[in-house]
Structures are given as C-alpha cells and as structure tokens.
N, C-alpha and C. Protein backbone atom coordinates (compact mmCIF):
# COMPACT_ATOMS: atom_id res chain seq x y z
N MET A 1 10.32 -12.58 0.35
CA MET A 1 9.49 -10.94 -0.11
C MET A 1 8.96 -11.32 -1.44
N THR A 2 7.69 -11.09 -1.93
CA THR A 2 7.18 -11.14 -2.88
C THR A 2 6.04 -10.09 -3.41
N ILE A 3 5.90 -9.66 -4.70
CA ILE A 3 5.06 -8.62 -5.09
C ILE A 3 4.24 -9.63 -6.13
N HIS A 4 2.74 -9.53 -5.60
CA HIS A 4 1.86 -10.16 -6.64
C HIS A 4 1.13 -9.14 -7.51
N VAL A 5 1.20 -9.22 -8.69
CA VAL A 5 0.67 -8.40 -9.99
C VAL A 5 -0.60 -9.27 -10.32
N HIS A 6 -1.75 -8.61 -10.58
CA HIS A 6 -2.73 -9.06 -10.94
C HIS A 6 -3.34 -8.23 -11.95
N LYS A 7 -3.55 -8.80 -13.36
CA LYS A 7 -4.12 -8.18 -14.46
C LYS A 7 -5.61 -8.05 -14.51
N PHE A 8 -6.08 -6.75 -15.09
CA PHE A 8 -7.29 -6.98 -15.10
C PHE A 8 -7.83 -5.91 -16.42
N GLY A 9 -8.82 -6.09 -17.05
CA GLY A 9 -9.47 -5.65 -18.30
C GLY A 9 -10.02 -4.09 -17.97
N GLY A 10 -10.96 -4.11 -17.18
CA GLY A 10 -11.70 -2.94 -16.82
C GLY A 10 -12.33 -2.67 -15.42
N LEU A 11 -13.59 -1.94 -15.36
CA LEU A 11 -13.93 -1.72 -14.24
C LEU A 11 -15.76 -2.31 -14.38
N ASN A 12 -16.18 -2.65 -13.12
CA ASN A 12 -17.53 -3.23 -13.69
C ASN A 12 -18.46 -2.24 -13.69
N VAL A 13 -19.45 -2.27 -14.33
CA VAL A 13 -20.48 -1.81 -14.74
C VAL A 13 -21.71 -2.12 -14.52
N THR A 14 -22.80 -1.58 -13.90
CA THR A 14 -23.82 -1.72 -13.45
C THR A 14 -25.11 -0.88 -13.93
N GLY A 15 -25.78 -1.13 -14.63
CA GLY A 15 -26.92 -0.02 -14.65
C GLY A 15 -26.09 1.11 -15.77
N GLY A 16 -25.28 0.77 -16.73
CA GLY A 16 -24.70 1.87 -17.42
C GLY A 16 -23.59 2.70 -16.74
N VAL A 17 -23.47 2.37 -15.26
CA VAL A 17 -22.53 3.15 -14.50
C VAL A 17 -21.43 2.31 -14.14
N ARG A 18 -19.95 3.06 -14.58
CA ARG A 18 -18.75 2.28 -14.23
C ARG A 18 -18.67 2.33 -12.65
N LEU A 19 -18.24 1.19 -12.17
CA LEU A 19 -18.15 1.29 -10.63
C LEU A 19 -16.77 1.27 -10.06
N PRO A 20 -16.40 2.05 -9.02
CA PRO A 20 -14.78 1.78 -8.66
C PRO A 20 -14.16 0.55 -8.21
N THR A 21 -14.69 -0.56 -8.95
CA THR A 21 -13.95 -1.97 -8.77
C THR A 21 -13.69 -2.61 -10.02
N LEU A 22 -12.74 -3.41 -9.65
CA LEU A 22 -12.17 -4.13 -11.10
C LEU A 22 -13.01 -5.51 -11.35
N GLN A 23 -13.20 -5.54 -12.84
CA GLN A 23 -14.01 -6.68 -13.18
C GLN A 23 -13.41 -8.02 -13.08
N ALA A 24 -13.69 -9.02 -12.27
CA ALA A 24 -13.18 -9.99 -12.00
C ALA A 24 -13.71 -11.10 -13.02
N PRO A 25 -13.12 -12.17 -13.44
CA PRO A 25 -11.81 -12.69 -12.81
C PRO A 25 -10.67 -11.72 -13.60
N SER A 26 -9.50 -11.86 -13.05
CA SER A 26 -8.33 -11.46 -13.65
C SER A 26 -7.89 -11.82 -14.67
N LEU A 27 -7.09 -11.34 -15.50
CA LEU A 27 -6.83 -12.14 -16.89
C LEU A 27 -5.32 -12.42 -16.62
N GLY A 28 -4.72 -12.67 -15.34
CA GLY A 28 -3.44 -13.05 -15.21
C GLY A 28 -2.89 -12.66 -14.01
N ARG A 29 -1.79 -13.22 -13.63
CA ARG A 29 -1.19 -13.03 -12.44
C ARG A 29 0.58 -13.40 -12.59
N GLU A 30 1.23 -12.47 -11.95
CA GLU A 30 2.71 -12.82 -11.82
C GLU A 30 3.08 -12.50 -10.44
N VAL A 31 3.79 -13.60 -9.97
CA VAL A 31 4.24 -13.43 -8.42
C VAL A 31 6.10 -13.37 -8.87
N LEU A 32 6.32 -11.98 -8.03
CA LEU A 32 7.58 -11.59 -8.62
C LEU A 32 8.47 -11.54 -7.19
N THR A 33 9.89 -11.96 -7.55
CA THR A 33 10.83 -11.66 -6.20
C THR A 33 11.83 -10.81 -6.45
N PRO A 34 11.69 -9.58 -5.86
CA PRO A 34 12.66 -8.63 -6.10
C PRO A 34 14.34 -8.80 -5.61
N THR A 35 15.03 -8.14 -6.04
CA THR A 35 16.43 -8.22 -5.68
C THR A 35 16.67 -6.64 -5.59
N ALA A 36 18.04 -6.40 -5.16
CA ALA A 36 18.76 -5.03 -5.22
C ALA A 36 18.65 -4.02 -6.68
N SER A 37 18.88 -5.09 -7.66
CA SER A 37 18.77 -4.40 -8.75
C SER A 37 17.41 -4.47 -9.51
N SER A 38 17.02 -3.39 -10.35
CA SER A 38 15.67 -3.24 -10.96
C SER A 38 15.71 -4.56 -11.95
N GLN A 39 14.33 -5.27 -11.95
CA GLN A 39 14.07 -6.21 -12.79
C GLN A 39 12.66 -6.03 -13.68
N GLN A 40 12.29 -6.53 -14.17
CA GLN A 40 11.20 -6.13 -15.04
C GLN A 40 10.15 -7.33 -15.08
N SER A 41 8.57 -7.23 -15.11
CA SER A 41 7.84 -8.31 -15.37
C SER A 41 7.79 -8.14 -17.02
N ALA A 42 6.95 -9.37 -17.22
CA ALA A 42 6.33 -9.56 -18.54
C ALA A 42 5.89 -8.32 -18.78
N VAL A 43 5.53 -7.92 -20.50
CA VAL A 43 4.60 -6.90 -20.58
C VAL A 43 3.11 -7.45 -20.24
N PHE A 44 2.22 -6.50 -19.81
CA PHE A 44 1.13 -6.77 -19.29
C PHE A 44 0.32 -7.50 -20.12
N GLY A 45 0.04 -7.28 -21.46
CA GLY A 45 -0.43 -8.03 -22.61
C GLY A 45 -1.98 -7.41 -22.83
N ASP A 46 -2.53 -8.12 -24.01
CA ASP A 46 -3.71 -7.57 -24.58
C ASP A 46 -4.82 -7.62 -23.74
N GLY A 47 -5.53 -6.46 -23.58
CA GLY A 47 -6.86 -6.33 -22.76
C GLY A 47 -6.47 -5.82 -21.64
N VAL A 48 -5.35 -5.84 -21.00
CA VAL A 48 -5.11 -5.30 -19.57
C VAL A 48 -4.93 -3.83 -19.49
N ASN A 49 -5.75 -3.36 -18.72
CA ASN A 49 -5.97 -1.89 -18.49
C ASN A 49 -5.75 -1.40 -16.88
N PHE A 50 -5.66 -2.31 -16.24
CA PHE A 50 -5.39 -1.94 -14.66
C PHE A 50 -4.28 -3.33 -14.30
N VAL A 51 -3.61 -2.75 -13.28
CA VAL A 51 -3.12 -3.88 -12.53
C VAL A 51 -3.24 -3.69 -11.06
N ARG A 52 -3.48 -4.65 -10.24
CA ARG A 52 -3.50 -4.56 -8.74
C ARG A 52 -2.11 -4.95 -8.10
N VAL A 53 -1.31 -4.35 -7.52
CA VAL A 53 0.06 -4.91 -7.19
C VAL A 53 -0.06 -4.57 -5.77
N HIS A 54 0.48 -5.68 -5.05
CA HIS A 54 0.57 -6.02 -3.62
C HIS A 54 1.66 -6.45 -3.41
N THR A 55 2.62 -6.21 -2.20
CA THR A 55 3.90 -6.40 -1.98
C THR A 55 3.81 -6.87 -0.44
N ASP A 56 4.36 -7.83 0.24
CA ASP A 56 4.54 -8.43 1.43
C ASP A 56 5.77 -7.68 2.31
N ALA A 57 6.71 -6.93 1.48
CA ALA A 57 7.91 -6.14 2.40
C ALA A 57 7.83 -4.81 1.70
N ALA A 58 8.41 -4.10 2.00
CA ALA A 58 8.67 -2.75 1.48
C ALA A 58 9.83 -2.89 0.27
N CYS A 59 9.28 -2.07 -0.90
CA CYS A 59 9.92 -2.39 -2.10
C CYS A 59 10.05 -1.09 -3.24
N LEU A 60 10.54 -0.96 -3.87
CA LEU A 60 10.65 0.10 -5.15
C LEU A 60 9.52 -0.42 -6.57
N VAL A 61 8.87 0.15 -6.96
CA VAL A 61 8.24 -0.20 -8.08
C VAL A 61 8.08 0.82 -9.11
N ALA A 62 7.71 0.76 -10.73
CA ALA A 62 7.91 1.60 -11.28
C ALA A 62 6.84 1.27 -12.71
N ILE A 63 6.40 1.99 -13.40
CA ILE A 63 5.55 1.19 -14.61
C ILE A 63 5.55 2.15 -15.73
N GLY A 64 5.81 1.47 -16.82
CA GLY A 64 6.25 2.03 -18.23
C GLY A 64 6.62 1.09 -18.94
N ALA A 65 7.06 1.75 -20.50
CA ALA A 65 7.74 0.86 -21.47
C ALA A 65 8.65 0.14 -21.15
N ASP A 66 9.94 0.89 -20.40
CA ASP A 66 11.10 0.57 -20.12
C ASP A 66 11.35 0.84 -18.82
N PRO A 67 10.66 0.57 -17.70
CA PRO A 67 10.80 1.22 -16.61
C PRO A 67 12.07 0.77 -15.59
N ASP A 68 12.56 1.58 -14.58
CA ASP A 68 13.62 1.15 -13.95
C ASP A 68 13.32 1.67 -12.37
N ALA A 69 13.07 0.58 -11.69
CA ALA A 69 12.74 0.69 -10.03
C ALA A 69 13.48 1.63 -9.44
N VAL A 70 14.96 1.30 -9.58
CA VAL A 70 15.86 2.10 -8.79
C VAL A 70 16.05 3.47 -9.01
N THR A 71 15.88 3.65 -10.43
CA THR A 71 16.19 5.24 -10.62
C THR A 71 14.91 6.28 -10.81
N GLU A 72 13.70 5.34 -11.08
CA GLU A 72 12.58 6.29 -11.35
C GLU A 72 11.33 5.67 -10.46
N GLY A 73 11.63 4.74 -9.47
CA GLY A 73 10.47 4.07 -8.98
C GLY A 73 9.99 4.84 -7.67
N TRP A 74 9.13 4.54 -7.15
CA TRP A 74 8.43 4.94 -5.92
C TRP A 74 8.43 3.61 -4.79
N ARG A 75 8.26 3.89 -3.66
CA ARG A 75 8.32 3.31 -2.58
C ARG A 75 6.80 2.82 -2.18
N MET A 76 6.63 1.16 -2.20
CA MET A 76 5.64 0.62 -1.69
C MET A 76 5.96 0.02 -0.19
N ALA A 77 5.09 0.59 0.85
CA ALA A 77 5.38 -0.45 1.96
C ALA A 77 4.92 -1.99 2.20
N ALA A 78 5.31 -2.31 3.03
CA ALA A 78 5.02 -3.53 3.12
C ALA A 78 3.69 -3.81 3.40
N ASN A 79 2.99 -4.93 2.98
CA ASN A 79 1.80 -5.11 2.86
C ASN A 79 0.70 -4.04 2.11
N GLN A 80 1.43 -3.34 1.21
CA GLN A 80 0.56 -2.41 0.55
C GLN A 80 -0.22 -2.75 -0.72
N THR A 81 -1.34 -2.48 -1.04
CA THR A 81 -2.03 -3.06 -2.09
C THR A 81 -2.30 -1.50 -3.07
N GLU A 82 -2.28 -1.61 -4.07
CA GLU A 82 -2.48 -0.32 -4.99
C GLU A 82 -2.96 -0.91 -6.32
N VAL A 83 -3.88 -0.21 -7.04
CA VAL A 83 -4.24 -0.38 -8.41
C VAL A 83 -4.03 0.86 -9.25
N PHE A 84 -3.30 0.42 -10.62
CA PHE A 84 -2.64 1.28 -11.35
C PHE A 84 -3.46 1.39 -12.79
N GLY A 85 -3.83 2.48 -13.55
CA GLY A 85 -4.05 2.13 -14.76
C GLY A 85 -2.94 2.15 -15.61
N VAL A 86 -2.81 1.43 -16.48
CA VAL A 86 -1.63 1.00 -17.56
C VAL A 86 -2.02 0.58 -18.90
N ALA A 87 -1.11 1.09 -19.74
CA ALA A 87 -1.19 0.80 -21.04
C ALA A 87 -0.58 -1.14 -21.15
N ASN A 88 -1.28 -1.60 -22.10
CA ASN A 88 -1.14 -3.13 -22.33
C ASN A 88 0.40 -3.34 -22.55
N THR A 89 1.05 -2.40 -23.52
CA THR A 89 2.34 -2.60 -23.51
C THR A 89 3.49 -2.19 -22.50
N HIS A 90 2.83 -1.86 -21.49
CA HIS A 90 3.85 -1.36 -20.13
C HIS A 90 4.26 -2.89 -19.34
N LYS A 91 5.21 -2.65 -18.61
CA LYS A 91 5.78 -3.53 -17.71
C LYS A 91 5.85 -3.08 -16.38
N LEU A 92 5.98 -3.80 -15.30
CA LEU A 92 6.03 -3.43 -13.84
C LEU A 92 7.95 -3.55 -13.50
N ALA A 93 8.42 -2.71 -13.13
CA ALA A 93 9.87 -2.65 -12.76
C ALA A 93 9.83 -2.71 -11.26
N TYR A 94 10.63 -3.56 -10.74
CA TYR A 94 10.61 -3.68 -9.12
C TYR A 94 12.11 -4.11 -8.51
N ALA A 95 12.38 -3.72 -7.19
CA ALA A 95 13.62 -3.77 -6.68
C ALA A 95 13.20 -3.51 -5.23
N THR A 96 14.36 -4.31 -4.39
CA THR A 96 13.95 -3.93 -3.00
C THR A 96 14.55 -2.58 -2.63
N VAL A 97 14.29 -2.03 -1.36
CA VAL A 97 14.41 -0.92 -0.90
C VAL A 97 15.79 -1.02 -0.33
C-alpha cells in the first residue's frame, strides 16, 4: 500500500483566467507507506499551495501543522485521488484504516 503526494505551486492561468488545473510540473513528490499508527510527511515546503494525494488502498489522512490521521483524519478509498489547498508549513498525516 502506498500514498503518492505531489506538490504544486498554483493553478494554470490562460488569458488572465485561472483554470481549475494544477500548474505542472510538480514541485516535488513523496511516496509514503502507512501503518496502523499515524505518521507524518515532510513539511510541504516553500512555494507549495496544493497537494495531489493518491492512494492505492483505503487509508486515513489529515493535513495541518501537526496532524494526526487516527484522531482527526478522514478516509480515502482505494484508488482515490484528491487535490487539497494547503499552507507550505503543513504536513500530511496518514495511517491504515
């Protein structure tokens, strides 16, 4: 089981209009392996405003300055992908269901 976290700086802009698509390429990527206890990713880092999270199995995730996936996380289903707006000082907490 793995969780893929891609970090992005912003949205695409065409003709002065922001489009609902992430500006590629990503600013970085982490591949995480959850366990039964909550673990945290690295701090997202400078310039990161969005993260794209994909999991290949059901898991719990939470985002914040010091998040705990077990106590405050929400469930992601197997093969689910979500995009979240984040602060660059935040981290992703993750755990198995």
